[in-house]
Amino acid sequence: MFPTFEKVRELARKKGLSLNQVEEKLGYSKNTLYSLKRQRVSSERLQEIADYFNVSTDYLLGRTDNPAIIGEKVVKTEIDLKKDASESFFYDGHELNDEDIDLISSLLEARMRNRK
């Protein structure tokens, strides 16, 4: 079994894209990514896919669970949870309302205070 297909499918899902949409963005013919289920991928194609998703080729090959590229500087950024949540957060297919977002924010704030 080739883990690359499963990794690519999950990465596409996280971006809110279908595999067909990813194929279009990469300029691949239809069902190119589905062929990863049954055959090995060339090193060039693997690198293109890894670059598109900004993950390591080792991650796509299932050699590591860490998608980060070695040596890549990780930039930590602070988020505005309320702003981000109001624009994109869903749970179980339902949009979160202001009360939900306030609850999540207060739980995270309390957790962060107690963690220090």
PDB file of N, CA and C in Angstrom:
ATOM      1  N   MET A   1       0.846  -1.189   0.000  1.00  0.00           N
ATOM      2  CA  MET A   1       0.000   0.000   0.000  1.00  0.00           C
ATOM      3  C   MET A   1       0.884   1.243   0.000  1.00  0.00           C
ATOM      4  N   PHE A   2       0.444   2.259  -0.709  1.00  0.00           N
ATOM      5  CA  PHE A   2       1.202   3.490  -0.831  1.00  0.00           C
ATOM      6  C   PHE A   2       0.552   4.587   0.015  1.00  0.00           C
ATOM      7  N   PRO A   3       1.263   5.061   1.044  1.00  0.00           N
ATOM      8  CA  PRO A   3       0.680   6.065   1.946  1.00  0.00           C
ATOM      9  C   PRO A   3       0.558   7.449   1.302  1.00  0.00           C
ATOM     10  N   THR A   4       1.222   7.667   0.193  1.00  0.00           N
ATOM     11  CA  THR A   4       1.230   8.990  -0.433  1.00  0.00           C
ATOM     12  C   THR A   4      -0.173   9.452  -0.777  1.00  0.00           C
ATOM     13  N   PHE A   5      -0.983   8.582  -1.333  1.00  0.00           N
ATOM     14  CA  PHE A   5      -2.348   8.959  -1.711  1.00  0.00           C
ATOM     15  C   PHE A   5      -3.128   9.464  -0.507  1.00  0.00           C
ATOM     16  N   GLU A   6      -3.063   8.722   0.595  1.00  0.00           N
ATOM     17  CA  GLU A   6      -3.806   9.111   1.798  1.00  0.00           C
ATOM     18  C   GLU A   6      -3.331  10.465   2.326  1.00  0.00           C
ATOM     19  N   LYS A   7      -2.024  10.682   2.313  1.00  0.00           N
ATOM     20  CA  LYS A   7      -1.470  11.966   2.784  1.00  0.00           C
ATOM     21  C   LYS A   7      -1.950  13.107   1.890  1.00  0.00           C
ATOM     22  N   VAL A   8      -1.891  12.918   0.580  1.00  0.00           N
ATOM     23  CA  VAL A   8      -2.317  13.960  -0.358  1.00  0.00           C
ATOM     24  C   VAL A   8      -3.802  14.238  -0.198  1.00  0.00           C
ATOM     25  N   ARG A   9      -4.593  13.197  -0.052  1.00  0.00           N
ATOM     26  CA  ARG A   9      -6.040  13.382   0.115  1.00  0.00           C
ATOM     27  C   ARG A   9      -6.342  14.181   1.387  1.00  0.00           C
ATOM     28  N   GLU A  10      -5.644  13.875   2.471  1.00  0.00           N
ATOM     29  CA  GLU A  10      -5.855  14.595   3.733  1.00  0.00           C
ATOM     30  C   GLU A  10      -5.405  16.050   3.625  1.00  0.00           C
ATOM     31  N   LEU A  11      -4.266  16.296   2.985  1.00  0.00           N
ATOM     32  CA  LEU A  11      -3.784  17.669   2.812  1.00  0.00           C
ATOM     33  C   LEU A  11      -4.756  18.485   1.962  1.00  0.00           C
ATOM     34  N   ALA A  12      -5.290  17.874   0.924  1.00  0.00           N
ATOM     35  CA  ALA A  12      -6.268  18.559   0.074  1.00  0.00           C
ATOM     36  C   ALA A  12      -7.525  18.886   0.873  1.00  0.00           C
ATOM     37  N   ARG A  13      -7.983  17.923   1.673  1.00  0.00           N
ATOM     38  CA  ARG A  13      -9.181  18.133   2.493  1.00  0.00           C
ATOM     39  C   ARG A  13      -8.977  19.296   3.450  1.00  0.00           C
ATOM     40  N   LYS A  14      -7.806  19.366   4.067  1.00  0.00           N
ATOM     41  CA  LYS A  14      -7.521  20.451   5.003  1.00  0.00           C
ATOM     42  C   LYS A  14      -7.519  21.809   4.318  1.00  0.00           C
ATOM     43  N   LYS A  15      -7.197  21.839   3.039  1.00  0.00           N
ATOM     44  CA  LYS A  15      -7.227  23.090   2.279  1.00  0.00           C
ATOM     45  C   LYS A  15      -8.610  23.358   1.697  1.00  0.00           C
ATOM     46  N   GLY A  16      -9.538  22.431   1.917  1.00  0.00           N
ATOM     47  CA  GLY A  16     -10.884  22.593   1.379  1.00  0.00           C
ATOM     48  C   GLY A  16     -10.954  22.344  -0.114  1.00  0.00           C
ATOM     49  N   LEU A  17     -10.062  21.494  -0.616  1.00  0.00           N
ATOM     50  CA  LEU A  17     -10.007  21.215  -2.047  1.00  0.00           C
ATOM     51  C   LEU A  17     -10.261  19.741  -2.325  1.00  0.00           C
ATOM     52  N   SER A  18     -10.817  19.471  -3.486  1.00  0.00           N
ATOM     53  CA  SER A  18     -10.934  18.088  -3.933  1.00  0.00           C
ATOM     54  C   SER A  18      -9.621  17.701  -4.611  1.00  0.00           C
ATOM     55  N   LEU A  19      -9.419  16.418  -4.796  1.00  0.00           N
ATOM     56  CA  LEU A  19      -8.214  15.981  -5.493  1.00  0.00           C
ATOM     57  C   LEU A  19      -8.213  16.479  -6.935  1.00  0.00           C
ATOM     58  N   ASN A  20      -9.383  16.552  -7.541  1.00  0.00           N
ATOM     59  CA  ASN A  20      -9.466  17.073  -8.912  1.00  0.00           C
ATOM     60  C   ASN A  20      -9.042  18.538  -8.966  1.00  0.00           C
ATOM     61  N   GLN A  21      -9.408  19.312  -7.958  1.00  0.00           N
ATOM     62  CA  GLN A  21      -8.997  20.719  -7.916  1.00  0.00           C
ATOM     63  C   GLN A  21      -7.483  20.838  -7.755  1.00  0.00           C
ATOM     64  N   VAL A  22      -6.897  19.979  -6.929  1.00  0.00           N
ATOM     65  CA  VAL A  22      -5.445  19.992  -6.750  1.00  0.00           C
ATOM     66  C   VAL A  22      -4.763  19.625  -8.066  1.00  0.00           C
ATOM     67  N   GLU A  23      -5.307  18.625  -8.746  1.00  0.00           N
ATOM     68  CA  GLU A  23      -4.747  18.233 -10.045  1.00  0.00           C
ATOM     69  C   GLU A  23      -4.772  19.410 -11.025  1.00  0.00           C
ATOM     70  N   GLU A  24      -5.872  20.137 -11.047  1.00  0.00           N
ATOM     71  CA  GLU A  24      -5.978  21.298 -11.936  1.00  0.00           C
ATOM     72  C   GLU A  24      -4.932  22.352 -11.577  1.00  0.00           C
ATOM     73  N   LYS A  25      -4.782  22.638 -10.281  1.00  0.00           N
ATOM     74  CA  LYS A  25      -3.828  23.657  -9.837  1.00  0.00           C
ATOM     75  C   LYS A  25      -2.387  23.272 -10.168  1.00  0.00           C
ATOM     76  N   LEU A  26      -2.101  21.966 -10.142  1.00  0.00           N
ATOM     77  CA  LEU A  26      -0.756  21.498 -10.440  1.00  0.00           C
ATOM     78  C   LEU A  26      -0.539  21.241 -11.935  1.00  0.00           C
ATOM     79  N   GLY A  27      -1.614  21.341 -12.710  1.00  0.00           N
ATOM     80  CA  GLY A  27      -1.508  21.112 -14.154  1.00  0.00           C
ATOM     81  C   GLY A  27      -1.435  19.642 -14.526  1.00  0.00           C
ATOM     82  N   TYR A  28      -1.962  18.778 -13.669  1.00  0.00           N
ATOM     83  CA  TYR A  28      -1.955  17.343 -13.926  1.00  0.00           C
ATOM     84  C   TYR A  28      -3.230  16.941 -14.649  1.00  0.00           C
ATOM     85  N   SER A  29      -3.164  15.840 -15.359  1.00  0.00           N
ATOM     86  CA  SER A  29      -4.367  15.321 -15.998  1.00  0.00           C
ATOM     87  C   SER A  29      -5.280  14.690 -14.940  1.00  0.00           C
ATOM     88  N   LYS A  30      -6.526  14.513 -15.316  1.00  0.00           N
ATOM     89  CA  LYS A  30      -7.534  13.966 -14.402  1.00  0.00           C
ATOM     90  C   LYS A  30      -7.108  12.575 -13.921  1.00  0.00           C
ATOM     91  N   ASN A  31      -7.314  12.329 -12.656  1.00  0.00           N
ATOM     92  CA  ASN A  31      -7.035  11.056 -11.978  1.00  0.00           C
ATOM     93  C   ASN A  31      -5.550  10.771 -11.772  1.00  0.00           C
ATOM     94  N   THR A  32      -4.697  11.757 -12.013  1.00  0.00           N
ATOM     95  CA  THR A  32      -3.269  11.568 -11.753  1.00  0.00           C
ATOM     96  C   THR A  32      -3.035  11.253 -10.280  1.00  0.00           C
ATOM     97  N   LEU A  33      -3.668  12.005  -9.396  1.00  0.00           N
ATOM     98  CA  LEU A  33      -3.452  11.775  -7.961  1.00  0.00           C
ATOM     99  C   LEU A  33      -4.080  10.463  -7.504  1.00  0.00           C
ATOM    100  N   TYR A  34      -5.176  10.065  -8.128  1.00  0.00           N
ATOM    101  CA  TYR A  34      -5.795   8.788  -7.766  1.00  0.00           C
ATOM    102  C   TYR A  34      -4.880   7.613  -8.122  1.00  0.00           C
ATOM    103  N   SER A  35      -4.012   7.797  -9.122  1.00  0.00           N
ATOM    104  CA  SER A  35      -3.093   6.724  -9.499  1.00  0.00           C
ATOM    105  C   SER A  35      -2.080   6.442  -8.389  1.00  0.00           C
ATOM    106  N   LEU A  36      -1.940   7.383  -7.434  1.00  0.00           N
ATOM    107  CA  LEU A  36      -1.019   7.164  -6.316  1.00  0.00           C
ATOM    108  C   LEU A  36      -1.470   6.011  -5.431  1.00  0.00           C
ATOM    109  N   LYS A  37      -2.721   5.590  -5.564  1.00  0.00           N
ATOM    110  CA  LYS A  37      -3.230   4.458  -4.789  1.00  0.00           C
ATOM    111  C   LYS A  37      -2.545   3.150  -5.181  1.00  0.00           C
ATOM    112  N   ARG A  38      -2.155   3.061  -6.464  1.00  0.00           N
ATOM    113  CA  ARG A  38      -1.693   1.766  -6.960  1.00  0.00           C
ATOM    114  C   ARG A  38      -0.283   1.758  -7.544  1.00  0.00           C
ATOM    115  N   GLN A  39       0.335   2.922  -7.643  1.00  0.00           N
ATOM    116  CA  GLN A  39       1.685   2.931  -8.211  1.00  0.00           C
ATOM    117  C   GLN A  39       2.563   3.960  -7.526  1.00  0.00           C
ATOM    118  N   ARG A  40       3.833   3.771  -7.663  1.00  0.00           N
ATOM    119  CA  ARG A  40       4.808   4.689  -7.067  1.00  0.00           C
ATOM    120  C   ARG A  40       4.838   5.993  -7.861  1.00  0.00           C
ATOM    121  N   VAL A  41       5.146   7.061  -7.162  1.00  0.00           N
ATOM    122  CA  VAL A  41       5.203   8.377  -7.787  1.00  0.00           C
ATOM    123  C   VAL A  41       6.653   8.698  -8.133  1.00  0.00           C
ATOM    124  N   SER A  42       6.852   9.419  -9.232  1.00  0.00           N
ATOM    125  CA  SER A  42       8.222   9.805  -9.595  1.00  0.00           C
ATOM    126  C   SER A  42       8.728  10.843  -8.603  1.00  0.00           C
ATOM    127  N   SER A  43      10.026  10.944  -8.482  1.00  0.00           N
ATOM    128  CA  SER A  43      10.605  11.900  -7.537  1.00  0.00           C
ATOM    129  C   SER A  43      10.242  13.336  -7.920  1.00  0.00           C
ATOM    130  N   GLU A  44      10.161  13.625  -9.216  1.00  0.00           N
ATOM    131  CA  GLU A  44       9.804  14.978  -9.656  1.00  0.00           C
ATOM    132  C   GLU A  44       8.370  15.330  -9.263  1.00  0.00           C
ATOM    133  N   ARG A  45       7.472  14.392  -9.504  1.00  0.00           N
ATOM    134  CA  ARG A  45       6.066  14.628  -9.166  1.00  0.00           C
ATOM    135  C   ARG A  45       5.895  14.730  -7.655  1.00  0.00           C
ATOM    136  N   LEU A  46       6.583  13.872  -6.927  1.00  0.00           N
ATOM    137  CA  LEU A  46       6.516  13.912  -5.465  1.00  0.00           C
ATOM    138  C   LEU A  46       6.965  15.274  -4.950  1.00  0.00           C
ATOM    139  N   GLN A  47       8.045  15.799  -5.516  1.00  0.00           N
ATOM    140  CA  GLN A  47       8.545  17.107  -5.098  1.00  0.00           C
ATOM    141  C   GLN A  47       7.549  18.216  -5.440  1.00  0.00           C
ATOM    142  N   GLU A  48       6.897  18.134  -6.593  1.00  0.00           N
ATOM    143  CA  GLU A  48       5.889  19.135  -6.982  1.00  0.00           C
ATOM    144  C   GLU A  48       4.731  19.155  -5.988  1.00  0.00           C
ATOM    145  N   ILE A  49       4.280  17.971  -5.619  1.00  0.00           N
ATOM    146  CA  ILE A  49       3.160  17.862  -4.675  1.00  0.00           C
ATOM    147  C   ILE A  49       3.584  18.384  -3.305  1.00  0.00           C
ATOM    148  N   ALA A  50       4.775  17.991  -2.862  1.00  0.00           N
ATOM    149  CA  ALA A  50       5.281  18.455  -1.565  1.00  0.00           C
ATOM    150  C   ALA A  50       5.414  19.975  -1.556  1.00  0.00           C
ATOM    151  N   ASP A  51       5.928  20.544  -2.632  1.00  0.00           N
ATOM    152  CA  ASP A  51       6.056  22.002  -2.713  1.00  0.00           C
ATOM    153  C   ASP A  51       4.693  22.680  -2.683  1.00  0.00           C
ATOM    154  N   TYR A  52       3.725  22.110  -3.370  1.00  0.00           N
ATOM    155  CA  TYR A  52       2.384  22.699  -3.396  1.00  0.00           C
ATOM    156  C   TYR A  52       1.788  22.773  -1.988  1.00  0.00           C
ATOM    157  N   PHE A  53       1.938  21.692  -1.226  1.00  0.00           N
ATOM    158  CA  PHE A  53       1.363  21.640   0.116  1.00  0.00           C
ATOM    159  C   PHE A  53       2.323  22.153   1.192  1.00  0.00           C
ATOM    160  N   ASN A  54       3.558  22.489   0.791  1.00  0.00           N
ATOM    161  CA  ASN A  54       4.581  22.970   1.717  1.00  0.00           C
ATOM    162  C   ASN A  54       4.857  21.955   2.830  1.00  0.00           C
ATOM    163  N   VAL A  55       5.068  20.718   2.401  1.00  0.00           N
ATOM    164  CA  VAL A  55       5.410  19.635   3.325  1.00  0.00           C
ATOM    165  C   VAL A  55       6.653  18.928   2.778  1.00  0.00           C
ATOM    166  N   SER A  56       7.238  18.080   3.588  1.00  0.00           N
ATOM    167  CA  SER A  56       8.419  17.337   3.147  1.00  0.00           C
ATOM    168  C   SER A  56       7.996  16.128   2.305  1.00  0.00           C
ATOM    169  N   THR A  57       8.900  15.693   1.452  1.00  0.00           N
ATOM    170  CA  THR A  57       8.635  14.487   0.674  1.00  0.00           C
ATOM    171  C   THR A  57       8.595  13.261   1.589  1.00  0.00           C
ATOM    172  N   ASP A  58       9.386  13.280   2.653  1.00  0.00           N
ATOM    173  CA  ASP A  58       9.342  12.174   3.616  1.00  0.00           C
ATOM    174  C   ASP A  58       7.955  12.043   4.238  1.00  0.00           C
ATOM    175  N   TYR A  59       7.306  13.155   4.482  1.00  0.00           N
ATOM    176  CA  TYR A  59       5.943  13.120   5.024  1.00  0.00           C
ATOM    177  C   TYR A  59       4.999  12.454   4.025  1.00  0.00           C
ATOM    178  N   LEU A  60       5.097  12.850   2.767  1.00  0.00           N
ATOM    179  CA  LEU A  60       4.226  12.259   1.746  1.00  0.00           C
ATOM    180  C   LEU A  60       4.477  10.765   1.567  1.00  0.00           C
ATOM    181  N   LEU A  61       5.715  10.355   1.764  1.00  0.00           N
ATOM    182  CA  LEU A  61       6.059   8.938   1.620  1.00  0.00           C
ATOM    183  C   LEU A  61       5.733   8.111   2.861  1.00  0.00           C
ATOM    184  N   GLY A  62       5.297   8.775   3.932  1.00  0.00           N
ATOM    185  CA  GLY A  62       4.955   8.060   5.151  1.00  0.00           C
ATOM    186  C   GLY A  62       6.151   7.720   6.018  1.00  0.00           C
ATOM    187  N   ARG A  63       7.288   8.353   5.767  1.00  0.00           N
ATOM    188  CA  ARG A  63       8.496   8.086   6.557  1.00  0.00           C
ATOM    189  C   ARG A  63       8.507   8.850   7.869  1.00  0.00           C
ATOM    190  N   THR A  64       7.670   9.883   7.965  1.00  0.00           N
ATOM    191  CA  THR A  64       7.558  10.676   9.184  1.00  0.00           C
ATOM    192  C   THR A  64       6.132  11.182   9.307  1.00  0.00           C
ATOM    193  N   ASP A  65       5.726  11.451  10.531  1.00  0.00           N
ATOM    194  CA  ASP A  65       4.411  12.046  10.765  1.00  0.00           C
ATOM    195  C   ASP A  65       4.497  13.559  10.843  1.00  0.00           C
ATOM    196  N   ASN A  66       5.715  14.082  10.768  1.00  0.00           N
ATOM    197  CA  ASN A  66       5.932  15.521  10.852  1.00  0.00           C
ATOM    198  C   ASN A  66       5.981  16.093   9.432  1.00  0.00           C
ATOM    199  N   PRO A  67       5.007  16.940   9.064  1.00  0.00           N
ATOM    200  CA  PRO A  67       4.996  17.481   7.701  1.00  0.00           C
ATOM    201  C   PRO A  67       6.023  18.582   7.459  1.00  0.00           C
ATOM    202  N   ALA A  68       6.645  19.095   8.521  1.00  0.00           N
ATOM    203  CA  ALA A  68       7.565  20.223   8.387  1.00  0.00           C
ATOM    204  C   ALA A  68       8.795  19.845   7.573  1.00  0.00           C
ATOM    205  N   ILE A  69       9.285  20.809   6.848  1.00  0.00           N
ATOM    206  CA  ILE A  69      10.493  20.630   6.056  1.00  0.00           C
ATOM    207  C   ILE A  69      11.681  20.927   6.966  1.00  0.00           C
ATOM    208  N   ILE A  70      12.646  20.025   7.013  1.00  0.00           N
ATOM    209  CA  ILE A  70      13.811  20.183   7.887  1.00  0.00           C
ATOM    210  C   ILE A  70      14.548  21.457   7.522  1.00  0.00           C
ATOM    211  N   GLY A  71      14.920  22.197   8.546  1.00  0.00           N
ATOM    212  CA  GLY A  71      15.655  23.438   8.332  1.00  0.00           C
ATOM    213  C   GLY A  71      14.773  24.631   8.045  1.00  0.00           C
ATOM    214  N   GLU A  72      13.496  24.396   7.869  1.00  0.00           N
ATOM    215  CA  GLU A  72      12.580  25.501   7.612  1.00  0.00           C
ATOM    216  C   GLU A  72      12.330  26.246   8.907  1.00  0.00           C
ATOM    217  N   LYS A  73      12.467  27.535   8.864  1.00  0.00           N
ATOM    218  CA  LYS A  73      12.252  28.350  10.048  1.00  0.00           C
ATOM    219  C   LYS A  73      10.748  28.440  10.327  1.00  0.00           C
ATOM    220  N   VAL A  74      10.372  28.088  11.528  1.00  0.00           N
ATOM    221  CA  VAL A  74       8.976  28.152  11.926  1.00  0.00           C
ATOM    222  C   VAL A  74       8.706  29.539  12.493  1.00  0.00           C
ATOM    223  N   VAL A  75       7.750  30.214  11.904  1.00  0.00           N
ATOM    224  CA  VAL A  75       7.388  31.547  12.358  1.00  0.00           C
ATOM    225  C   VAL A  75       6.127  31.430  13.199  1.00  0.00           C
ATOM    226  N   LYS A  76       6.238  31.852  14.440  1.00  0.00           N
ATOM    227  CA  LYS A  76       5.087  31.809  15.325  1.00  0.00           C
ATOM    228  C   LYS A  76       4.334  33.123  15.199  1.00  0.00           C
ATOM    229  N   THR A  77       3.043  33.028  15.013  1.00  0.00           N
ATOM    230  CA  THR A  77       2.229  34.228  14.905  1.00  0.00           C
ATOM    231  C   THR A  77       1.061  34.138  15.864  1.00  0.00           C
ATOM    232  N   GLU A  78       0.711  35.265  16.377  1.00  0.00           N
ATOM    233  CA  GLU A  78      -0.436  35.321  17.270  1.00  0.00           C
ATOM    234  C   GLU A  78      -1.684  35.455  16.415  1.00  0.00           C
ATOM    235  N   ILE A  79      -2.730  34.762  16.810  1.00  0.00           N
ATOM    236  CA  ILE A  79      -3.964  34.851  16.048  1.00  0.00           C
ATOM    237  C   ILE A  79      -5.015  35.590  16.855  1.00  0.00           C
ATOM    238  N   ASP A  80      -5.925  36.182  16.137  1.00  0.00           N
ATOM    239  CA  ASP A  80      -7.102  36.780  16.755  1.00  0.00           C
ATOM    240  C   ASP A  80      -8.206  35.744  16.617  1.00  0.00           C
ATOM    241  N   LEU A  81      -8.381  34.933  17.654  1.00  0.00           N
ATOM    242  CA  LEU A  81      -9.297  33.807  17.597  1.00  0.00           C
ATOM    243  C   LEU A  81     -10.710  34.245  17.225  1.00  0.00           C
ATOM    244  N   LYS A  82     -11.177  35.314  17.823  1.00  0.00           N
ATOM    245  CA  LYS A  82     -12.550  35.746  17.545  1.00  0.00           C
ATOM    246  C   LYS A  82     -12.721  36.131  16.081  1.00  0.00           C
ATOM    247  N   LYS A  83     -11.745  36.837  15.531  1.00  0.00           N
ATOM    248  CA  LYS A  83     -11.827  37.252  14.132  1.00  0.00           C
ATOM    249  C   LYS A  83     -11.754  36.033  13.220  1.00  0.00           C
ATOM    250  N   ASP A  84     -10.768  35.174  13.461  1.00  0.00           N
ATOM    251  CA  ASP A  84     -10.598  33.994  12.622  1.00  0.00           C
ATOM    252  C   ASP A  84     -11.799  33.053  12.732  1.00  0.00           C
ATOM    253  N   ALA A  85     -12.293  32.877  13.940  1.00  0.00           N
ATOM    254  CA  ALA A  85     -13.423  31.982  14.154  1.00  0.00           C
ATOM    255  C   ALA A  85     -14.672  32.487  13.460  1.00  0.00           C
ATOM    256  N   SER A  86     -14.898  33.779  13.518  1.00  0.00           N
ATOM    257  CA  SER A  86     -16.100  34.321  12.895  1.00  0.00           C
ATOM    258  C   SER A  86     -16.059  34.176  11.374  1.00  0.00           C
ATOM    259  N   GLU A  87     -14.860  34.052  10.818  1.00  0.00           N
ATOM    260  CA  GLU A  87     -14.721  33.925   9.371  1.00  0.00           C
ATOM    261  C   GLU A  87     -14.702  32.479   8.885  1.00  0.00           C
ATOM    262  N   SER A  88     -14.306  31.549   9.753  1.00  0.00           N
ATOM    263  CA  SER A  88     -14.084  30.220   9.185  1.00  0.00           C
ATOM    264  C   SER A  88     -14.371  29.024  10.080  1.00  0.00           C
ATOM    265  N   PHE A  89     -14.756  29.184  11.312  1.00  0.00           N
ATOM    266  CA  PHE A  89     -14.896  28.026  12.182  1.00  0.00           C
ATOM    267  C   PHE A  89     -16.270  27.370  12.059  1.00  0.00           C
ATOM    268  N   PHE A  90     -16.205  26.043  11.909  1.00  0.00           N
ATOM    269  CA  PHE A  90     -17.405  25.225  11.880  1.00  0.00           C
ATOM    270  C   PHE A  90     -17.164  24.039  12.797  1.00  0.00           C
ATOM    271  N   TYR A  91     -18.233  23.502  13.334  1.00  0.00           N
ATOM    272  CA  TYR A  91     -18.127  22.286  14.121  1.00  0.00           C
ATOM    273  C   TYR A  91     -19.289  21.396  13.741  1.00  0.00           C
ATOM    274  N   ASP A  92     -18.981  20.193  13.338  1.00  0.00           N
ATOM    275  CA  ASP A  92     -19.992  19.217  12.961  1.00  0.00           C
ATOM    276  C   ASP A  92     -20.922  19.788  11.889  1.00  0.00           C
ATOM    277  N   GLY A  93     -20.347  20.574  10.984  1.00  0.00           N
ATOM    278  CA  GLY A  93     -21.121  21.131   9.881  1.00  0.00           C
ATOM    279  C   GLY A  93     -21.904  22.386  10.202  1.00  0.00           C
ATOM    280  N   HIS A  94     -21.800  22.880  11.438  1.00  0.00           N
ATOM    281  CA  HIS A  94     -22.550  24.066  11.848  1.00  0.00           C
ATOM    282  C   HIS A  94     -21.596  25.222  12.122  1.00  0.00           C
ATOM    283  N   GLU A  95     -21.997  26.388  11.690  1.00  0.00           N
ATOM    284  CA  GLU A  95     -21.192  27.579  11.934  1.00  0.00           C
ATOM    285  C   GLU A  95     -21.230  27.922  13.422  1.00  0.00           C
ATOM    286  N   LEU A  96     -20.106  28.348  13.963  1.00  0.00           N
ATOM    287  CA  LEU A  96     -20.063  28.746  15.365  1.00  0.00           C
ATOM    288  C   LEU A  96     -20.597  30.166  15.506  1.00  0.00           C
ATOM    289  N   ASN A  97     -21.416  30.374  16.531  1.00  0.00           N
ATOM    290  CA  ASN A  97     -21.937  31.725  16.766  1.00  0.00           C
ATOM    291  C   ASN A  97     -21.046  32.461  17.767  1.00  0.00           C
ATOM    292  N   ASP A  98     -21.372  33.719  18.047  1.00  0.00           N
ATOM    293  CA  ASP A  98     -20.550  34.535  18.952  1.00  0.00           C
ATOM    294  C   ASP A  98     -20.413  33.913  20.336  1.00  0.00           C
ATOM    295  N   GLU A  99     -21.474  33.309  20.827  1.00  0.00           N
ATOM    296  CA  GLU A  99     -21.433  32.681  22.151  1.00  0.00           C
ATOM    297  C   GLU A  99     -20.454  31.501  22.157  1.00  0.00           C
ATOM    298  N   ASP A 100     -20.484  30.696  21.099  1.00  0.00           N
ATOM    299  CA  ASP A 100     -19.554  29.572  20.979  1.00  0.00           C
ATOM    300  C   ASP A 100     -18.113  30.062  20.946  1.00  0.00           C
ATOM    301  N   ILE A 101     -17.877  31.093  20.164  1.00  0.00           N
ATOM    302  CA  ILE A 101     -16.533  31.638  20.000  1.00  0.00           C
ATOM    303  C   ILE A 101     -16.029  32.227  21.317  1.00  0.00           C
ATOM    304  N   ASP A 102     -16.905  32.940  22.040  1.00  0.00           N
ATOM    305  CA  ASP A 102     -16.524  33.489  23.350  1.00  0.00           C
ATOM    306  C   ASP A 102     -16.155  32.373  24.328  1.00  0.00           C
ATOM    307  N   LEU A 103     -16.920  31.289  24.308  1.00  0.00           N
ATOM    308  CA  LEU A 103     -16.640  30.160  25.188  1.00  0.00           C
ATOM    309  C   LEU A 103     -15.282  29.540  24.861  1.00  0.00           C
ATOM    310  N   ILE A 104     -15.037  29.307  23.597  1.00  0.00           N
ATOM    311  CA  ILE A 104     -13.752  28.730  23.182  1.00  0.00           C
ATOM    312  C   ILE A 104     -12.609  29.655  23.565  1.00  0.00           C
ATOM    313  N   SER A 105     -12.788  30.949  23.331  1.00  0.00           N
ATOM    314  CA  SER A 105     -11.750  31.925  23.667  1.00  0.00           C
ATOM    315  C   SER A 105     -11.446  31.914  25.156  1.00  0.00           C
ATOM    316  N   SER A 106     -12.484  31.901  25.980  1.00  0.00           N
ATOM    317  CA  SER A 106     -12.263  31.928  27.426  1.00  0.00           C
ATOM    318  C   SER A 106     -11.603  30.632  27.908  1.00  0.00           C
ATOM    319  N   LEU A 107     -11.966  29.510  27.328  1.00  0.00           N
ATOM    320  CA  LEU A 107     -11.331  28.241  27.695  1.00  0.00           C
ATOM    321  C   LEU A 107      -9.840  28.248  27.338  1.00  0.00           C
ATOM    322  N   LEU A 108      -9.527  28.743  26.149  1.00  0.00           N
ATOM    323  CA  LEU A 108      -8.124  28.800  25.739  1.00  0.00           C
ATOM    324  C   LEU A 108      -7.325  29.781  26.591  1.00  0.00           C
ATOM    325  N   GLU A 109      -7.920  30.915  26.897  1.00  0.00           N
ATOM    326  CA  GLU A 109      -7.229  31.902  27.734  1.00  0.00           C
ATOM    327  C   GLU A 109      -6.936  31.321  29.111  1.00  0.00           C
ATOM    328  N   ALA A 110      -7.921  30.633  29.702  1.00  0.00           N
ATOM    329  CA  ALA A 110      -7.725  30.017  31.015  1.00  0.00           C
ATOM    330  C   ALA A 110      -6.655  28.929  30.932  1.00  0.00           C
ATOM    331  N   ARG A 111      -6.681  28.148  29.896  1.00  0.00           N
ATOM    332  CA  ARG A 111      -5.679  27.092  29.712  1.00  0.00           C
ATOM    333  C   ARG A 111      -4.278  27.681  29.602  1.00  0.00           C
ATOM    334  N   MET A 112      -4.131  28.759  28.847  1.00  0.00           N
ATOM    335  CA  MET A 112      -2.825  29.373  28.654  1.00  0.00           C
ATOM    336  C   MET A 112      -2.305  29.989  29.962  1.00  0.00           C
ATOM    337  N   ARG A 113      -3.185  30.596  30.728  1.00  0.00           N
ATOM    338  CA  ARG A 113      -2.788  31.172  32.026  1.00  0.00           C
ATOM    339  C   ARG A 113      -2.316  30.085  32.970  1.00  0.00           C
ATOM    340  N   ASN A 114      -3.028  28.984  33.018  1.00  0.00           N
ATOM    341  CA  ASN A 114      -2.708  27.890  33.938  1.00  0.00           C
ATOM    342  C   ASN A 114      -1.499  27.078  33.473  1.00  0.00           C
ATOM    343  N   ARG A 115      -1.177  27.127  32.223  1.00  0.00           N
ATOM    344  CA  ARG A 115      -0.059  26.358  31.687  1.00  0.00           C
ATOM    345  C   ARG A 115       1.292  26.977  32.050  1.00  0.00           C
ATOM    346  N   LYS A 116       1.324  28.278  32.258  1.00  0.00           N
ATOM    347  CA  LYS A 116       2.590  28.971  32.529  1.00  0.00           C
ATOM    348  C   LYS A 116       3.115  28.687  33.871  1.00  0.00           C
TER     349      LYS A 116
END
